Amino acid sequence: MVGRALVVGLGQCSWDVLGRVGCYPPVDQKAELTDMIQQGGGPVATALVTLARLGVSTEYLGVVGGDDIGEKIRAGLLAEGVGCAHLQVDPQGTSQFAFIAVEKTTGHRNIFWTRGGKRPFSFTPAAREVIRRAAVLHLDGLEVEASLAAARFAREQGVPTVLDGGSFREGTAELLPFIDHLVVSEKFARQAFGEMNPAAVLEALLKNGAQAVTVTLGAAGSHTLLRGGEPFHQPAFGVEAVDTTGCGDVFHGGYIYGVLQGWPLRETVRFAAACAALKTRALGGRTAIPRLEEVRSLLEQSILRK
């Protein structure tokens, strides 16, 4: 691993309440929830938790409201070893909150959420300094102005950037030229191009300037293209999914871990896929995020079965 193994993440954090249902009810009907759980969530925040469990030093940049939910979010990150020295609090604001209903038979989920009423993240000199010392900057693009400023600064400082492209939203197009590793969802690809032809999407996204692009497709695995290389497909690992919440976030954490190691891209993406698969073992976006030895065990078992 590189010597300055500090990953800085700027973006979304949330407090999630999850419950399982036998099947989703029709409109104006009731369904009993079982196995209720509450924990922190959000793309960048959960990716940092993944890295912390893998043994990487992390620092979170974001904003919470001055409410009880904001304190729960902070406490959840600190309990996982994620640095929160630059977590900003809007005393009069409200924090992001989500309710997630997970279907028992499939592990698929529906998410109902509010981003809250907090102010945007302020890109302070202290935030610049922590990014300057980072090995990787991870973004989700939800803090539009701060994300663009941070990505530009990281490029000036030679700090590699990774973007979690969950949706193609306001400010995404301006951000893409400053991203080195672009990992996006199928939803992002369809919003950007109106189709899901993996080869065409990878080529189009690579034109924005990234060194590598990956499109994740859930149970169908992922497709990746390295600049100057050939596209490849990484199948998803076969596991019995309890809950798919946070799989993409954990995939990003595993991907960044591979970048830190300097692994070939195929090895990095395979490692990320293993992390995401293991996460599905339990209810909650963070509950079953694996430790390093668990990921290695799954990878070794996969090789032995071939």
C-alpha atoms as a PDB file:
ATOM      1  CA  MET A   1       0.000   0.000   0.000  1.00  0.00           C
ATOM      2  CA  VAL A   2       1.150   3.538  -0.683  1.00  0.00           C
ATOM      3  CA  GLY A   3       2.695   5.352   2.233  1.00  0.00           C
ATOM      4  CA  ARG A   4       0.072   8.096   2.592  1.00  0.00           C
ATOM      5  CA  ALA A   5      -2.910   5.759   2.720  1.00  0.00           C
ATOM      6  CA  LEU A   6      -5.436   8.449   3.627  1.00  0.00           C
ATOM      7  CA  VAL A   7      -8.687   8.422   1.683  1.00  0.00           C
ATOM      8  CA  VAL A   8     -10.748  11.601   1.907  1.00  0.00           C
ATOM      9  CA  GLY A   9     -14.418  11.432   0.999  1.00  0.00           C
ATOM     10  CA  LEU A  10     -16.656  14.424   0.295  1.00  0.00           C
ATOM     11  CA  GLY A  11     -20.353  13.868  -0.132  1.00  0.00           C
ATOM     12  CA  GLN A  12     -23.506  12.441   1.289  1.00  0.00           C
ATOM     13  CA  CYS A  13     -24.185  10.957   4.712  1.00  0.00           C
ATOM     14  CA  SER A  14     -27.514   9.729   6.010  1.00  0.00           C
ATOM     15  CA  TRP A  15     -29.292   7.983   8.849  1.00  0.00           C
ATOM     16  CA  ASP A  16     -31.085   4.868   7.601  1.00  0.00           C
ATOM     17  CA  VAL A  17     -34.008   3.006   9.134  1.00  0.00           C
ATOM     18  CA  LEU A  18     -34.449  -0.391   7.468  1.00  0.00           C
ATOM     19  CA  GLY A  19     -37.080  -3.089   7.767  1.00  0.00           C
ATOM     20  CA  ARG A  20     -37.929  -6.289   5.911  1.00  0.00           C
ATOM     21  CA  VAL A  21     -41.282  -7.037   4.254  1.00  0.00           C
ATOM     22  CA  GLY A  22     -42.524 -10.327   2.857  1.00  0.00           C
ATOM     23  CA  CYS A  23     -43.454  -8.518  -0.347  1.00  0.00           C
ATOM     24  CA  TYR A  24     -44.195  -4.917  -1.246  1.00  0.00           C
ATOM     25  CA  PRO A  25     -47.876  -4.037  -0.646  1.00  0.00           C
ATOM     26  CA  PRO A  26     -50.106  -2.365  -3.247  1.00  0.00           C
ATOM     27  CA  VAL A  27     -51.108   1.269  -2.777  1.00  0.00           C
ATOM     28  CA  ASP A  28     -53.217   2.006   0.321  1.00  0.00           C
ATOM     29  CA  GLN A  29     -52.440  -1.359   1.926  1.00  0.00           C
ATOM     30  CA  LYS A  30     -50.386  -2.404   4.949  1.00  0.00           C
ATOM     31  CA  ALA A  31     -47.375  -4.699   5.331  1.00  0.00           C
ATOM     32  CA  GLU A  32     -45.733  -5.736   8.582  1.00  0.00           C
ATOM     33  CA  LEU A  33     -42.050  -4.886   8.944  1.00  0.00           C
ATOM     34  CA  THR A  34     -39.639  -7.324  10.568  1.00  0.00           C
ATOM     35  CA  ASP A  35     -35.969  -7.214  11.536  1.00  0.00           C
ATOM     36  CA  MET A  36     -35.857  -3.440  11.967  1.00  0.00           C
ATOM     37  CA  ILE A  37     -32.418  -1.832  12.149  1.00  0.00           C
ATOM     38  CA  GLN A  38     -31.015   1.723  12.242  1.00  0.00           C
ATOM     39  CA  GLN A  39     -27.533   2.800  11.130  1.00  0.00           C
ATOM     40  CA  GLY A  40     -25.599   5.363   9.127  1.00  0.00           C
ATOM     41  CA  GLY A  41     -25.681   5.403   5.341  1.00  0.00           C
ATOM     42  CA  GLY A  42     -24.859   7.484   2.277  1.00  0.00           C
ATOM     43  CA  PRO A  43     -22.576   6.695  -0.709  1.00  0.00           C
ATOM     44  CA  VAL A  44     -19.318   8.358   0.339  1.00  0.00           C
ATOM     45  CA  ALA A  45     -19.780   7.750   4.060  1.00  0.00           C
ATOM     46  CA  THR A  46     -20.385   4.011   3.583  1.00  0.00           C
ATOM     47  CA  ALA A  47     -17.449   3.706   1.169  1.00  0.00           C
ATOM     48  CA  LEU A  48     -15.236   5.218   3.877  1.00  0.00           C
ATOM     49  CA  VAL A  49     -16.594   2.760   6.448  1.00  0.00           C
ATOM     50  CA  THR A  50     -15.676  -0.046   4.020  1.00  0.00           C
ATOM     51  CA  LEU A  51     -12.126   1.265   3.733  1.00  0.00           C
ATOM     52  CA  ALA A  52     -11.841   1.665   7.499  1.00  0.00           C
ATOM     53  CA  ARG A  53     -12.826  -1.986   7.973  1.00  0.00           C
ATOM     54  CA  LEU A  54     -10.177  -2.913   5.418  1.00  0.00           C
ATOM     55  CA  GLY A  55      -7.565  -1.072   7.492  1.00  0.00           C
ATOM     56  CA  VAL A  56      -7.306   2.228   5.609  1.00  0.00           C
ATOM     57  CA  SER A  57      -7.129   5.659   7.249  1.00  0.00           C
ATOM     58  CA  THR A  58     -10.117   7.790   6.199  1.00  0.00           C
ATOM     59  CA  GLU A  59     -11.477  11.297   6.665  1.00  0.00           C
ATOM     60  CA  TYR A  60     -15.035  12.420   5.928  1.00  0.00           C
ATOM     61  CA  LEU A  61     -15.987  15.859   4.595  1.00  0.00           C
ATOM     62  CA  GLY A  62     -19.677  16.670   4.765  1.00  0.00           C
ATOM     63  CA  VAL A  63     -22.481  18.409   6.617  1.00  0.00           C
ATOM     64  CA  VAL A  64     -25.079  17.266   9.140  1.00  0.00           C
ATOM     65  CA  GLY A  65     -27.833  19.218  10.817  1.00  0.00           C
ATOM     66  CA  GLY A  66     -27.772  20.210  14.451  1.00  0.00           C
ATOM     67  CA  ASP A  67     -30.346  17.540  15.277  1.00  0.00           C
ATOM     68  CA  ASP A  68     -30.291  14.130  16.945  1.00  0.00           C
ATOM     69  CA  ILE A  69     -29.946  12.424  13.562  1.00  0.00           C
ATOM     70  CA  GLY A  70     -26.820  14.450  12.810  1.00  0.00           C
ATOM     71  CA  GLU A  71     -25.258  13.301  16.070  1.00  0.00           C
ATOM     72  CA  LYS A  72     -26.153   9.677  15.293  1.00  0.00           C
ATOM     73  CA  ILE A  73     -24.509   9.963  11.872  1.00  0.00           C
ATOM     74  CA  ARG A  74     -21.340  11.366  13.426  1.00  0.00           C
ATOM     75  CA  ALA A  75     -21.246   8.779  16.196  1.00  0.00           C
ATOM     76  CA  GLY A  76     -21.712   5.968  13.667  1.00  0.00           C
ATOM     77  CA  LEU A  77     -18.756   7.139  11.590  1.00  0.00           C
ATOM     78  CA  LEU A  78     -16.514   7.589  14.615  1.00  0.00           C
ATOM     79  CA  ALA A  79     -17.413   4.117  15.879  1.00  0.00           C
ATOM     80  CA  GLU A  80     -16.107   2.709  12.585  1.00  0.00           C
ATOM     81  CA  GLY A  81     -12.863   4.689  12.812  1.00  0.00           C
ATOM     82  CA  VAL A  82     -13.748   7.237  10.126  1.00  0.00           C
ATOM     83  CA  GLY A  83     -12.234  10.662  10.846  1.00  0.00           C
ATOM     84  CA  CYS A  84     -14.796  13.418  11.403  1.00  0.00           C
ATOM     85  CA  ALA A  85     -12.574  16.387  12.258  1.00  0.00           C
ATOM     86  CA  HIS A  86     -13.915  18.205   9.169  1.00  0.00           C
ATOM     87  CA  LEU A  87     -17.567  17.199   9.511  1.00  0.00           C
ATOM     88  CA  GLN A  88     -19.477  20.480   9.529  1.00  0.00           C
ATOM     89  CA  VAL A  89     -22.640  21.032  11.578  1.00  0.00           C
ATOM     90  CA  ASP A  90     -25.441  23.389  10.566  1.00  0.00           C
ATOM     91  CA  PRO A  91     -26.978  24.220  13.980  1.00  0.00           C
ATOM     92  CA  GLN A  92     -30.349  25.183  12.495  1.00  0.00           C
ATOM     93  CA  GLY A  93     -30.342  22.520   9.784  1.00  0.00           C
ATOM     94  CA  THR A  94     -31.851  19.046   9.556  1.00  0.00           C
ATOM     95  CA  SER A  95     -29.910  15.929   8.557  1.00  0.00           C
ATOM     96  CA  GLN A  96     -30.535  13.501   5.721  1.00  0.00           C
ATOM     97  CA  PHE A  97     -32.801  10.584   6.591  1.00  0.00           C
ATOM     98  CA  ALA A  98     -33.944   7.469   4.736  1.00  0.00           C
ATOM     99  CA  PHE A  99     -36.452   4.689   5.258  1.00  0.00           C
ATOM    100  CA  ILE A 100     -35.645   1.503   3.370  1.00  0.00           C
ATOM    101  CA  ALA A 101     -38.053  -1.400   2.851  1.00  0.00           C
ATOM    102  CA  VAL A 102     -36.201  -4.603   1.944  1.00  0.00           C
ATOM    103  CA  GLU A 103     -38.076  -7.437   0.243  1.00  0.00           C
ATOM    104  CA  LYS A 104     -37.435 -10.681   2.118  1.00  0.00           C
ATOM    105  CA  THR A 105     -37.575 -13.018  -0.884  1.00  0.00           C
ATOM    106  CA  THR A 106     -35.111 -11.120  -3.112  1.00  0.00           C
ATOM    107  CA  GLY A 107     -33.068  -8.726  -0.969  1.00  0.00           C
ATOM    108  CA  HIS A 108     -34.113  -5.873  -3.261  1.00  0.00           C
ATOM    109  CA  ARG A 109     -35.130  -2.611  -1.636  1.00  0.00           C
ATOM    110  CA  ASN A 110     -37.157   0.552  -2.062  1.00  0.00           C
ATOM    111  CA  ILE A 111     -35.732   3.739  -0.554  1.00  0.00           C
ATOM    112  CA  PHE A 112     -37.742   6.727   0.689  1.00  0.00           C
ATOM    113  CA  TRP A 113     -35.497   9.604   1.667  1.00  0.00           C
ATOM    114  CA  THR A 114     -35.128  13.291   2.330  1.00  0.00           C
ATOM    115  CA  ARG A 115     -31.877  15.205   1.973  1.00  0.00           C
ATOM    116  CA  GLY A 116     -32.810  17.386   4.952  1.00  0.00           C
ATOM    117  CA  GLY A 117     -32.514  21.154   5.238  1.00  0.00           C
ATOM    118  CA  LYS A 118     -28.853  21.730   5.982  1.00  0.00           C
ATOM    119  CA  ARG A 119     -26.549  24.207   4.257  1.00  0.00           C
ATOM    120  CA  PRO A 120     -23.987  23.072   1.630  1.00  0.00           C
ATOM    121  CA  PHE A 121     -20.471  22.029   2.626  1.00  0.00           C
ATOM    122  CA  SER A 122     -18.038  24.933   2.873  1.00  0.00           C
ATOM    123  CA  PHE A 123     -14.756  24.141   1.077  1.00  0.00           C
ATOM    124  CA  THR A 124     -12.442  25.657   3.698  1.00  0.00           C
ATOM    125  CA  PRO A 125      -8.627  25.954   3.752  1.00  0.00           C
ATOM    126  CA  ALA A 126      -8.637  23.086   6.280  1.00  0.00           C
ATOM    127  CA  ALA A 127     -10.507  20.901   3.777  1.00  0.00           C
ATOM    128  CA  ARG A 128      -7.972  21.806   1.085  1.00  0.00           C
ATOM    129  CA  GLU A 129      -5.128  20.777   3.372  1.00  0.00           C
ATOM    130  CA  VAL A 130      -6.585  17.355   4.171  1.00  0.00           C
ATOM    131  CA  ILE A 131      -7.147  16.719   0.450  1.00  0.00           C
ATOM    132  CA  ARG A 132      -3.599  17.822  -0.353  1.00  0.00           C
ATOM    133  CA  ARG A 133      -2.308  15.094   1.997  1.00  0.00           C
ATOM    134  CA  ALA A 134      -4.660  12.415   0.663  1.00  0.00           C
ATOM    135  CA  ALA A 135      -3.841   9.349  -1.402  1.00  0.00           C
ATOM    136  CA  VAL A 136      -7.317   9.389  -2.993  1.00  0.00           C
ATOM    137  CA  LEU A 137     -10.277  11.781  -3.039  1.00  0.00           C
ATOM    138  CA  HIS A 138     -13.672  10.057  -3.262  1.00  0.00           C
ATOM    139  CA  LEU A 139     -16.767  11.998  -4.372  1.00  0.00           C
ATOM    140  CA  ASP A 140     -20.436  11.349  -5.095  1.00  0.00           C
ATOM    141  CA  GLY A 141     -21.117  14.762  -6.681  1.00  0.00           C
ATOM    142  CA  LEU A 142     -24.012  15.593  -4.371  1.00  0.00           C
ATOM    143  CA  GLU A 143     -22.250  18.601  -2.845  1.00  0.00           C
ATOM    144  CA  VAL A 144     -22.120  20.211  -6.277  1.00  0.00           C
ATOM    145  CA  GLU A 145     -19.984  23.333  -5.759  1.00  0.00           C
ATOM    146  CA  ALA A 146     -17.703  21.834  -3.117  1.00  0.00           C
ATOM    147  CA  SER A 147     -17.199  18.639  -5.162  1.00  0.00           C
ATOM    148  CA  LEU A 148     -16.110  20.595  -8.222  1.00  0.00           C
ATOM    149  CA  ALA A 149     -13.768  22.789  -6.176  1.00  0.00           C
ATOM    150  CA  ALA A 150     -12.315  19.738  -4.411  1.00  0.00           C
ATOM    151  CA  ALA A 151     -11.841  17.787  -7.648  1.00  0.00           C
ATOM    152  CA  ARG A 152     -10.078  20.719  -9.306  1.00  0.00           C
ATOM    153  CA  PHE A 153      -7.820  21.153  -6.292  1.00  0.00           C
ATOM    154  CA  ALA A 154      -7.049  17.421  -6.183  1.00  0.00           C
ATOM    155  CA  ARG A 155      -6.062  17.515  -9.865  1.00  0.00           C
ATOM    156  CA  GLU A 156      -3.723  20.442  -9.189  1.00  0.00           C
ATOM    157  CA  GLN A 157      -2.140  18.509  -6.316  1.00  0.00           C
ATOM    158  CA  GLY A 158      -1.843  15.233  -8.224  1.00  0.00           C
ATOM    159  CA  VAL A 159      -4.316  13.438  -5.940  1.00  0.00           C
ATOM    160  CA  PRO A 160      -6.279  10.708  -7.790  1.00  0.00           C
ATOM    161  CA  THR A 161     -10.061  11.129  -7.785  1.00  0.00           C
ATOM    162  CA  VAL A 162     -12.859   8.542  -7.765  1.00  0.00           C
ATOM    163  CA  LEU A 163     -16.511   9.348  -8.491  1.00  0.00           C
ATOM    164  CA  ASP A 164     -19.503   7.307  -7.363  1.00  0.00           C
ATOM    165  CA  GLY A 165     -21.939   8.067 -10.182  1.00  0.00           C
ATOM    166  CA  GLY A 166     -25.254   6.874  -8.791  1.00  0.00           C
ATOM    167  CA  SER A 167     -27.278   9.331 -10.878  1.00  0.00           C
ATOM    168  CA  PHE A 168     -26.433  11.797 -13.644  1.00  0.00           C
ATOM    169  CA  ARG A 169     -27.457  15.013 -11.917  1.00  0.00           C
ATOM    170  CA  GLU A 170     -26.833  18.752 -11.902  1.00  0.00           C
ATOM    171  CA  GLY A 171     -23.102  19.472 -12.022  1.00  0.00           C
ATOM    172  CA  THR A 172     -22.078  15.969 -13.114  1.00  0.00           C
ATOM    173  CA  ALA A 173     -20.980  16.990 -16.603  1.00  0.00           C
ATOM    174  CA  GLU A 174     -18.726  19.734 -15.193  1.00  0.00           C
ATOM    175  CA  LEU A 175     -17.213  17.318 -12.663  1.00  0.00           C
ATOM    176  CA  LEU A 176     -16.339  14.458 -15.042  1.00  0.00           C
ATOM    177  CA  PRO A 177     -13.186  16.018 -16.590  1.00  0.00           C
ATOM    178  CA  PHE A 178     -11.571  16.046 -13.129  1.00  0.00           C
ATOM    179  CA  ILE A 179     -12.250  12.379 -12.343  1.00  0.00           C
ATOM    180  CA  ASP A 180      -9.562   9.702 -12.756  1.00  0.00           C
ATOM    181  CA  HIS A 181     -11.632   6.633 -11.820  1.00  0.00           C
ATOM    182  CA  LEU A 182     -15.286   6.783 -12.811  1.00  0.00           C
ATOM    183  CA  VAL A 183     -17.500   4.057 -11.340  1.00  0.00           C
ATOM    184  CA  VAL A 184     -21.168   4.518 -12.248  1.00  0.00           C
ATOM    185  CA  SER A 185     -24.451   2.667 -11.962  1.00  0.00           C
ATOM    186  CA  GLU A 186     -26.646   1.346 -14.757  1.00  0.00           C
ATOM    187  CA  LYS A 187     -29.092   4.126 -13.846  1.00  0.00           C
ATOM    188  CA  PHE A 188     -26.364   6.752 -14.421  1.00  0.00           C
ATOM    189  CA  ALA A 189     -25.547   5.233 -17.823  1.00  0.00           C
ATOM    190  CA  ARG A 190     -29.176   5.218 -18.960  1.00  0.00           C
ATOM    191  CA  GLN A 191     -29.721   8.801 -17.765  1.00  0.00           C
ATOM    192  CA  ALA A 192     -26.601   9.989 -19.587  1.00  0.00           C
ATOM    193  CA  PHE A 193     -27.034   8.056 -22.841  1.00  0.00           C
ATOM    194  CA  GLY A 194     -30.553   6.638 -22.915  1.00  0.00           C
ATOM    195  CA  GLU A 195     -29.241   3.128 -23.479  1.00  0.00           C
ATOM    196  CA  MET A 196     -27.223   0.386 -21.805  1.00  0.00           C
ATOM    197  CA  ASN A 197     -24.803  -0.863 -24.435  1.00  0.00           C
ATOM    198  CA  PRO A 198     -21.793  -1.478 -22.156  1.00  0.00           C
ATOM    199  CA  ALA A 199     -19.111  -1.086 -24.837  1.00  0.00           C
ATOM    200  CA  ALA A 200     -20.588   2.163 -26.175  1.00  0.00           C
ATOM    201  CA  VAL A 201     -21.183   3.600 -22.693  1.00  0.00           C
ATOM    202  CA  LEU A 202     -17.631   2.822 -21.545  1.00  0.00           C
ATOM    203  CA  GLU A 203     -16.104   4.424 -24.634  1.00  0.00           C
ATOM    204  CA  ALA A 204     -18.303   7.518 -24.298  1.00  0.00           C
ATOM    205  CA  LEU A 205     -17.556   7.994 -20.607  1.00  0.00           C
ATOM    206  CA  LEU A 206     -13.822   7.529 -21.143  1.00  0.00           C
ATOM    207  CA  LYS A 207     -13.858  10.541 -23.480  1.00  0.00           C
ATOM    208  CA  ASN A 208     -14.406  12.790 -20.460  1.00  0.00           C
ATOM    209  CA  GLY A 209     -10.792  12.172 -19.439  1.00  0.00           C
ATOM    210  CA  ALA A 210     -10.910   9.373 -16.853  1.00  0.00           C
ATOM    211  CA  GLN A 211      -8.176   6.745 -16.765  1.00  0.00           C
ATOM    212  CA  ALA A 212     -10.678   3.965 -16.096  1.00  0.00           C
ATOM    213  CA  VAL A 213     -14.457   3.587 -16.243  1.00  0.00           C
ATOM    214  CA  THR A 214     -16.668   0.914 -14.668  1.00  0.00           C
ATOM    215  CA  VAL A 215     -20.422   0.467 -15.032  1.00  0.00           C
ATOM    216  CA  THR A 216     -22.011  -1.680 -12.316  1.00  0.00           C
ATOM    217  CA  LEU A 217     -25.083  -3.789 -13.124  1.00  0.00           C
ATOM    218  CA  GLY A 218     -25.982  -5.399  -9.804  1.00  0.00           C
ATOM    219  CA  ALA A 219     -26.439  -9.152 -10.125  1.00  0.00           C
ATOM    220  CA  ALA A 220     -25.207  -8.935 -13.729  1.00  0.00           C
ATOM    221  CA  GLY A 221     -21.750  -7.865 -12.538  1.00  0.00           C
ATOM    222  CA  SER A 222     -19.855  -4.941 -14.037  1.00  0.00           C
ATOM    223  CA  HIS A 223     -18.119  -3.807 -17.221  1.00  0.00           C
ATOM    224  CA  THR A 224     -14.787  -1.936 -17.127  1.00  0.00           C
ATOM    225  CA  LEU A 225     -12.516  -0.192 -19.596  1.00  0.00           C
ATOM    226  CA  LEU A 226      -8.995   1.108 -18.926  1.00  0.00           C
ATOM    227  CA  ARG A 227      -7.661   3.836 -21.192  1.00  0.00           C
ATOM    228  CA  GLY A 228      -5.581   2.109 -23.865  1.00  0.00           C
ATOM    229  CA  GLY A 229      -6.885  -1.309 -22.823  1.00  0.00           C
ATOM    230  CA  GLU A 230      -9.652  -3.759 -23.696  1.00  0.00           C
ATOM    231  CA  PRO A 231     -13.050  -3.836 -21.960  1.00  0.00           C
ATOM    232  CA  PHE A 232     -13.772  -6.714 -19.599  1.00  0.00           C
ATOM    233  CA  HIS A 233     -16.710  -8.101 -17.652  1.00  0.00           C
ATOM    234  CA  GLN A 234     -16.552  -9.010 -13.970  1.00  0.00           C
ATOM    235  CA  PRO A 235     -19.366 -11.382 -12.930  1.00  0.00           C
ATOM    236  CA  ALA A 236     -21.051 -10.871  -9.586  1.00  0.00           C
ATOM    237  CA  PHE A 237     -20.144 -13.397  -6.908  1.00  0.00           C
ATOM    238  CA  GLY A 238     -22.881 -15.907  -6.216  1.00  0.00           C
ATOM    239  CA  VAL A 239     -24.259 -15.263  -2.722  1.00  0.00           C
ATOM    240  CA  GLU A 240     -27.706 -15.517  -1.151  1.00  0.00           C
ATOM    241  CA  ALA A 241     -28.595 -11.846  -0.829  1.00  0.00           C
ATOM    242  CA  VAL A 242     -30.419 -10.691   2.286  1.00  0.00           C
ATOM    243  CA  ASP A 243     -30.217  -6.957   1.498  1.00  0.00           C
ATOM    244  CA  THR A 244     -28.633  -5.136  -1.448  1.00  0.00           C
ATOM    245  CA  THR A 245     -28.675  -1.718   0.273  1.00  0.00           C
ATOM    246  CA  GLY A 246     -25.248  -0.084   0.021  1.00  0.00           C
ATOM    247  CA  CYS A 247     -23.745  -2.602  -2.419  1.00  0.00           C
ATOM    248  CA  GLY A 248     -22.599   0.120  -4.783  1.00  0.00           C
ATOM    249  CA  ASP A 249     -21.084   2.141  -1.930  1.00  0.00           C
ATOM    250  CA  VAL A 250     -19.141  -0.885  -0.701  1.00  0.00           C
ATOM    251  CA  PHE A 251     -18.027  -1.686  -4.263  1.00  0.00           C
ATOM    252  CA  HIS A 252     -16.475   1.787  -4.378  1.00  0.00           C
ATOM    253  CA  GLY A 253     -14.687   1.217  -1.094  1.00  0.00           C
ATOM    254  CA  GLY A 254     -13.238  -2.049  -2.395  1.00  0.00           C
ATOM    255  CA  TYR A 255     -12.277  -0.393  -5.687  1.00  0.00           C
ATOM    256  CA  ILE A 256     -10.415   2.387  -3.899  1.00  0.00           C
ATOM    257  CA  TYR A 257      -8.600  -0.204  -1.775  1.00  0.00           C
ATOM    258  CA  GLY A 258      -7.315  -1.806  -4.982  1.00  0.00           C
ATOM    259  CA  VAL A 259      -6.211   1.586  -6.317  1.00  0.00           C
ATOM    260  CA  LEU A 260      -4.227   2.156  -3.122  1.00  0.00           C
ATOM    261  CA  GLN A 261      -2.473  -1.185  -3.581  1.00  0.00           C
ATOM    262  CA  GLY A 262      -1.519  -0.376  -7.168  1.00  0.00           C
ATOM    263  CA  TRP A 263      -3.185  -3.584  -8.367  1.00  0.00           C
ATOM    264  CA  PRO A 264      -4.028  -4.231 -12.027  1.00  0.00           C
ATOM    265  CA  LEU A 265      -7.541  -3.044 -12.808  1.00  0.00           C
ATOM    266  CA  ARG A 266      -8.965  -6.549 -13.227  1.00  0.00           C
ATOM    267  CA  GLU A 267      -7.785  -7.485  -9.739  1.00  0.00           C
ATOM    268  CA  THR A 268      -9.146  -4.231  -8.317  1.00  0.00           C
ATOM    269  CA  VAL A 269     -12.603  -4.736  -9.812  1.00  0.00           C
ATOM    270  CA  ARG A 270     -12.721  -8.389  -8.729  1.00  0.00           C
ATOM    271  CA  PHE A 271     -11.845  -7.371  -5.166  1.00  0.00           C
ATOM    272  CA  ALA A 272     -14.537  -4.670  -5.229  1.00  0.00           C
ATOM    273  CA  ALA A 273     -17.125  -7.184  -6.458  1.00  0.00           C
ATOM    274  CA  ALA A 274     -16.229  -9.547  -3.614  1.00  0.00           C
ATOM    275  CA  CYS A 275     -16.641  -6.749  -1.051  1.00  0.00           C
ATOM    276  CA  ALA A 276     -20.073  -5.873  -2.454  1.00  0.00           C
ATOM    277  CA  ALA A 277     -21.211  -9.505  -2.493  1.00  0.00           C
ATOM    278  CA  LEU A 278     -20.262 -10.073   1.138  1.00  0.00           C
ATOM    279  CA  LYS A 279     -22.126  -6.920   2.184  1.00  0.00           C
ATOM    280  CA  THR A 280     -25.444  -8.502   1.102  1.00  0.00           C
ATOM    281  CA  ARG A 281     -25.274 -11.129   3.896  1.00  0.00           C
ATOM    282  CA  ALA A 282     -27.286  -9.088   6.418  1.00  0.00           C
ATOM    283  CA  LEU A 283     -29.869  -6.339   6.677  1.00  0.00           C
ATOM    284  CA  GLY A 284     -28.369  -2.846   6.478  1.00  0.00           C
ATOM    285  CA  GLY A 285     -25.931  -1.033   4.245  1.00  0.00           C
ATOM    286  CA  ARG A 286     -23.085  -1.434   6.754  1.00  0.00           C
ATOM    287  CA  THR A 287     -23.901  -4.456   8.924  1.00  0.00           C
ATOM    288  CA  ALA A 288     -22.007  -7.067   6.881  1.00  0.00           C
ATOM    289  CA  ILE A 289     -19.307  -4.917   5.293  1.00  0.00           C
ATOM    290  CA  PRO A 290     -16.385  -7.380   5.314  1.00  0.00           C
ATOM    291  CA  ARG A 291     -12.976  -7.304   6.912  1.00  0.00           C
ATOM    292  CA  LEU A 292      -9.944  -7.934   4.724  1.00  0.00           C
ATOM    293  CA  GLU A 293      -9.576 -11.592   5.707  1.00  0.00           C
ATOM    294  CA  GLU A 294     -13.209 -12.274   4.712  1.00  0.00           C
ATOM    295  CA  VAL A 295     -12.670 -10.818   1.259  1.00  0.00           C
ATOM    296  CA  ARG A 296      -9.490 -12.800   0.759  1.00  0.00           C
ATOM    297  CA  SER A 297     -11.284 -15.981   1.827  1.00  0.00           C
ATOM    298  CA  LEU A 298     -14.074 -15.463  -0.718  1.00  0.00           C
ATOM    299  CA  LEU A 299     -11.576 -14.753  -3.488  1.00  0.00           C
ATOM    300  CA  GLU A 300      -9.549 -17.864  -2.636  1.00  0.00           C
ATOM    301  CA  GLN A 301     -12.670 -20.051  -2.501  1.00  0.00           C
ATOM    302  CA  SER A 302     -13.730 -18.697  -5.892  1.00  0.00           C
ATOM    303  CA  ILE A 303     -10.388 -19.684  -7.416  1.00  0.00           C
ATOM    304  CA  LEU A 304     -10.572 -23.183  -5.904  1.00  0.00           C
ATOM    305  CA  ARG A 305     -14.063 -23.756  -7.338  1.00  0.00           C
ATOM    306  CA  LYS A 306     -12.912 -23.019 -10.880  1.00  0.00           C
END
